[in-house]
N, C-alpha and C. Protein backbone atom coordinates (compact mmCIF):
# COMPACT_ATOMS: atom_id res chain seq x y z
N MET A 1 -1.37 15.49 6.43
CA MET A 1 -0.20 15.49 6.75
C MET A 1 0.88 14.02 6.44
N PRO A 2 1.60 13.82 6.20
CA PRO A 2 1.73 12.92 5.93
C PRO A 2 2.98 12.34 7.16
N VAL A 3 2.28 11.25 7.55
CA VAL A 3 3.54 10.50 8.50
C VAL A 3 5.00 10.20 7.76
N THR A 4 5.65 9.51 9.07
CA THR A 4 6.81 9.19 8.39
C THR A 4 6.70 7.79 8.51
N VAL A 5 7.46 7.19 7.23
CA VAL A 5 6.82 5.56 7.32
C VAL A 5 8.53 5.22 7.00
N THR A 6 8.66 4.20 7.88
CA THR A 6 10.15 3.19 7.99
C THR A 6 10.03 2.08 6.92
N HIS A 7 10.68 1.80 6.57
CA HIS A 7 10.93 0.52 5.42
C HIS A 7 11.87 -0.47 6.40
N ASP A 8 11.31 -1.69 6.53
CA ASP A 8 11.95 -2.90 6.77
C ASP A 8 12.37 -3.76 5.44
N PRO A 9 13.04 -3.60 4.84
CA PRO A 9 12.93 -4.57 3.87
C PRO A 9 13.36 -6.42 4.40
N ALA A 10 13.98 -6.66 5.55
CA ALA A 10 14.28 -7.93 5.97
C ALA A 10 13.09 -8.51 6.38
N GLN A 11 11.91 -7.91 6.99
CA GLN A 11 10.74 -8.15 7.05
C GLN A 11 9.55 -8.03 6.46
N GLN A 12 9.79 -7.47 5.14
CA GLN A 12 9.00 -7.03 4.08
C GLN A 12 8.02 -6.19 4.72
N ARG A 13 8.14 -4.99 5.37
CA ARG A 13 6.92 -4.33 6.03
C ARG A 13 7.33 -2.49 5.65
N PHE A 14 6.44 -1.87 5.61
CA PHE A 14 6.26 -0.60 6.10
C PHE A 14 5.30 -0.43 7.34
N SER A 15 5.95 0.72 8.00
CA SER A 15 5.26 1.09 9.48
C SER A 15 5.46 2.57 9.60
N THR A 16 4.45 2.61 10.74
CA THR A 16 4.49 4.07 11.44
C THR A 16 4.27 4.27 12.70
N VAL A 17 4.47 4.79 13.50
CA VAL A 17 3.83 5.04 14.77
C VAL A 17 3.27 6.26 15.04
N VAL A 18 1.64 6.53 15.58
CA VAL A 18 1.10 7.61 15.72
C VAL A 18 0.26 7.67 16.68
N ASP A 19 1.00 8.56 17.52
CA ASP A 19 0.18 8.62 18.99
C ASP A 19 0.50 7.06 19.87
N GLY A 20 1.74 6.82 19.35
CA GLY A 20 1.92 5.80 19.94
C GLY A 20 1.25 4.21 19.72
N VAL A 21 0.83 4.34 18.63
CA VAL A 21 0.09 3.18 17.89
C VAL A 21 1.06 2.96 16.77
N GLU A 22 0.81 1.84 16.34
CA GLU A 22 2.04 1.10 15.23
C GLU A 22 0.68 0.71 14.08
N ALA A 23 1.04 1.23 12.93
CA ALA A 23 0.44 0.79 12.08
C ALA A 23 1.52 0.56 10.85
N GLU A 24 0.96 -0.63 9.99
CA GLU A 24 1.77 -0.97 9.02
C GLU A 24 1.15 -1.75 7.73
N LEU A 25 2.23 -1.94 6.56
CA LEU A 25 1.96 -2.75 5.51
C LEU A 25 3.21 -3.72 5.47
N GLU A 26 2.44 -4.49 4.76
CA GLU A 26 3.08 -6.38 4.70
C GLU A 26 2.95 -6.52 3.63
N TYR A 27 3.93 -7.02 2.81
CA TYR A 27 4.25 -7.04 1.34
C TYR A 27 5.16 -8.46 1.40
N GLN A 28 5.41 -9.07 0.04
CA GLN A 28 6.20 -9.71 -0.55
C GLN A 28 6.49 -9.94 -1.89
N LEU A 29 7.58 -9.92 -1.71
CA LEU A 29 8.98 -10.05 -3.41
C LEU A 29 8.49 -11.29 -3.86
N ARG A 30 7.91 -11.15 -4.81
CA ARG A 30 7.51 -12.51 -6.37
C ARG A 30 8.09 -12.05 -7.71
N GLY A 31 9.63 -12.56 -7.62
CA GLY A 31 10.18 -12.37 -9.22
C GLY A 31 10.14 -10.60 -8.93
N ASP A 32 9.70 -10.31 -9.99
CA ASP A 32 10.04 -8.64 -10.61
C ASP A 32 8.58 -7.91 -9.38
N GLN A 33 7.99 -8.16 -8.55
CA GLN A 33 6.83 -7.74 -8.32
C GLN A 33 6.67 -7.69 -6.71
N LEU A 34 6.24 -6.61 -6.36
CA LEU A 34 6.08 -6.69 -4.95
C LEU A 34 4.10 -6.31 -4.72
N VAL A 35 4.35 -7.73 -4.10
CA VAL A 35 2.48 -8.09 -3.74
C VAL A 35 2.37 -7.55 -2.27
N ILE A 36 1.33 -6.61 -2.37
CA ILE A 36 0.77 -5.99 -1.09
C ILE A 36 -0.27 -6.81 -0.29
N ALA A 37 0.20 -7.14 0.69
CA ALA A 37 -0.54 -8.23 1.40
C ALA A 37 -1.79 -8.42 2.37
N HIS A 38 -1.13 -7.17 2.96
CA HIS A 38 -2.21 -6.37 4.11
C HIS A 38 -1.85 -5.27 4.60
N THR A 39 -2.72 -4.31 4.68
CA THR A 39 -2.42 -2.72 5.07
C THR A 39 -3.11 -2.71 6.48
N GLY A 40 -2.82 -2.36 7.78
CA GLY A 40 -3.24 -2.42 8.79
C GLY A 40 -3.18 -0.92 9.83
N VAL A 41 -4.49 -0.03 10.31
CA VAL A 41 -4.19 0.55 10.69
C VAL A 41 -5.37 0.42 12.04
N PRO A 42 -4.87 0.37 13.40
CA PRO A 42 -5.70 0.45 14.39
C PRO A 42 -6.47 1.25 14.31
N GLU A 43 -8.22 1.04 14.71
CA GLU A 43 -8.92 2.19 14.88
C GLU A 43 -8.45 3.49 15.78
N ALA A 44 -7.47 3.19 16.59
CA ALA A 44 -7.62 4.42 17.25
C ALA A 44 -6.67 5.58 16.50
N ILE A 45 -6.05 5.18 15.54
CA ILE A 45 -5.43 5.96 14.93
C ILE A 45 -5.89 6.14 13.47
N GLY A 46 -7.36 5.32 13.27
CA GLY A 46 -8.08 5.55 11.83
C GLY A 46 -8.56 7.02 11.54
N GLY A 47 -8.62 7.21 10.08
CA GLY A 47 -9.07 8.21 9.56
C GLY A 47 -8.29 9.45 9.36
N ARG A 48 -6.94 9.18 9.71
CA ARG A 48 -6.23 10.21 9.32
C ARG A 48 -5.11 10.15 8.05
N GLY A 49 -5.18 9.34 6.95
CA GLY A 49 -5.04 9.01 5.71
C GLY A 49 -3.42 8.17 6.38
N ILE A 50 -3.38 7.46 7.28
CA ILE A 50 -2.03 6.84 7.48
C ILE A 50 -2.28 5.98 6.73
N ALA A 51 -3.07 4.49 6.37
CA ALA A 51 -2.98 3.45 5.31
C ALA A 51 -2.40 3.95 3.97
N SER A 52 -3.20 5.58 3.80
CA SER A 52 -2.79 6.17 1.91
C SER A 52 -1.45 6.21 2.22
N ASP A 53 -0.40 6.90 3.52
CA ASP A 53 0.87 7.05 3.01
C ASP A 53 1.65 5.84 3.27
N LEU A 54 1.26 4.66 3.58
CA LEU A 54 2.05 3.34 3.86
C LEU A 54 1.98 2.60 2.70
N VAL A 55 0.67 2.98 1.80
CA VAL A 55 0.69 2.12 0.50
C VAL A 55 1.48 3.23 -0.56
N ARG A 56 1.46 4.67 -0.33
CA ARG A 56 2.70 5.30 -1.32
C ARG A 56 3.47 4.95 -0.62
N ALA A 57 4.27 5.15 0.20
CA ALA A 57 5.47 4.66 0.50
C ALA A 57 5.88 3.37 -0.52
N ALA A 58 4.87 2.48 -0.54
CA ALA A 58 5.14 0.83 -0.95
C ALA A 58 5.50 1.39 -2.76
N PHE A 59 4.54 1.82 -2.89
CA PHE A 59 4.83 2.26 -4.16
C PHE A 59 5.37 2.97 -4.75
N GLU A 60 6.20 3.89 -4.33
CA GLU A 60 7.25 4.78 -4.63
C GLU A 60 8.35 3.76 -4.22
N TYR A 61 8.47 2.83 -3.02
CA TYR A 61 9.73 2.03 -3.44
C TYR A 61 10.44 1.36 -4.60
N ALA A 62 8.78 0.78 -4.65
CA ALA A 62 8.27 -0.54 -6.12
C ALA A 62 9.10 0.39 -7.12
N ARG A 63 8.64 1.91 -7.17
CA ARG A 63 9.19 2.70 -8.46
C ARG A 63 10.71 2.72 -8.49
N GLN A 64 11.42 2.71 -7.35
CA GLN A 64 12.82 2.91 -7.18
C GLN A 64 13.54 1.73 -7.36
N ALA A 65 13.04 0.95 -7.12
CA ALA A 65 13.55 -0.41 -7.17
C ALA A 65 13.11 -1.10 -8.53
N GLY A 66 12.45 -0.64 -9.53
CA GLY A 66 12.31 -1.25 -10.47
C GLY A 66 11.06 -2.29 -10.83
N TYR A 67 10.35 -2.61 -9.61
CA TYR A 67 9.25 -3.68 -9.60
C TYR A 67 7.83 -3.44 -9.53
N LYS A 68 7.29 -4.07 -10.01
CA LYS A 68 5.92 -3.88 -10.60
C LYS A 68 4.97 -4.17 -9.14
N VAL A 69 3.90 -3.38 -8.94
CA VAL A 69 3.06 -3.86 -8.22
C VAL A 69 1.88 -4.48 -8.06
N ARG A 70 1.11 -5.47 -7.48
CA ARG A 70 -0.18 -6.25 -7.19
C ARG A 70 -0.42 -5.83 -5.93
N PRO A 71 -1.24 -5.28 -5.56
CA PRO A 71 -2.14 -4.54 -4.48
C PRO A 71 -3.41 -5.96 -4.12
N ALA A 72 -3.15 -6.96 -3.52
CA ALA A 72 -3.76 -7.82 -2.92
C ALA A 72 -4.58 -8.01 -1.94
N CYS A 73 -4.19 -6.26 -1.31
CA CYS A 73 -5.16 -6.04 0.00
C CYS A 73 -6.03 -5.33 -0.81
N SER A 74 -7.60 -5.16 -0.22
CA SER A 74 -8.45 -4.62 -1.12
C SER A 74 -8.21 -3.08 -0.94
N TYR A 75 -7.83 -2.77 0.76
CA TYR A 75 -7.51 -1.34 0.83
C TYR A 75 -6.25 -0.36 -0.03
N ALA A 76 -5.42 -1.15 -0.39
CA ALA A 76 -4.73 -0.96 -1.50
C ALA A 76 -4.87 -1.30 -3.38
N ALA A 77 -5.85 -1.74 -3.30
CA ALA A 77 -6.24 -1.73 -4.69
C ALA A 77 -7.33 -0.67 -4.79
N ALA A 78 -7.70 -0.36 -3.47
CA ALA A 78 -9.00 0.86 -4.22
C ALA A 78 -7.91 1.72 -4.04
N TRP A 79 -6.66 2.29 -3.44
CA TRP A 79 -6.25 2.77 -3.19
C TRP A 79 -5.52 3.15 -4.86
N ALA A 80 -5.44 2.08 -5.51
CA ALA A 80 -4.43 2.35 -6.68
C ALA A 80 -5.48 2.78 -7.96
N GLU A 81 -6.70 2.46 -7.74
CA GLU A 81 -7.67 2.74 -8.11
C GLU A 81 -8.02 4.71 -8.51
N ARG A 82 -7.73 4.87 -6.99
CA ARG A 82 -7.79 6.75 -6.95
C ARG A 82 -6.49 7.42 -7.29
N HIS A 83 -5.18 6.80 -7.42
CA HIS A 83 -4.28 7.58 -7.75
C HIS A 83 -3.50 6.81 -8.91
N PRO A 84 -4.51 7.39 -10.20
CA PRO A 84 -3.69 6.73 -11.75
C PRO A 84 -2.32 7.20 -12.24
N GLU A 85 -1.66 8.07 -11.44
CA GLU A 85 -0.28 7.99 -11.57
C GLU A 85 0.28 7.48 -11.42
N TYR A 86 -0.07 6.37 -10.42
CA TYR A 86 0.64 5.11 -10.17
C TYR A 86 0.65 4.06 -11.14
N SER A 87 -0.19 3.83 -12.14
CA SER A 87 -0.93 2.94 -12.68
C SER A 87 -0.16 2.29 -13.50
N GLN A 88 1.19 3.06 -13.93
CA GLN A 88 2.29 2.24 -14.50
C GLN A 88 2.80 1.38 -14.15
N LEU A 89 2.95 1.29 -12.68
CA LEU A 89 3.65 0.31 -11.69
C LEU A 89 2.47 -1.01 -11.61
N LEU A 90 1.57 -1.24 -11.86
CA LEU A 90 0.51 -2.16 -11.69
C LEU A 90 0.81 -3.07 -12.80
N GLY A 91 0.94 -4.56 -12.17
CA GLY A 91 1.27 -5.75 -13.21
C GLY A 91 1.27 -7.06 -12.16
């Protein structure tokens, strides 16, 4: 079941809190490109698909805002390979 993801554009991050523990995705905007720099899910809440929810939220934000996505973190890159429905956003 997807978690509720919060977007903080001023801090360039997406986050969620599960069982009192925060997970995050950090990005940078470079021109028309959203670069996913880091996805972090603490071990205490790992294995629940939380990182996937964070990356999906970032891709959906990029789609709505007209950005291309560059998954610079290894998790986001692997996620993008497993979700070809988002391949048109890669750039």
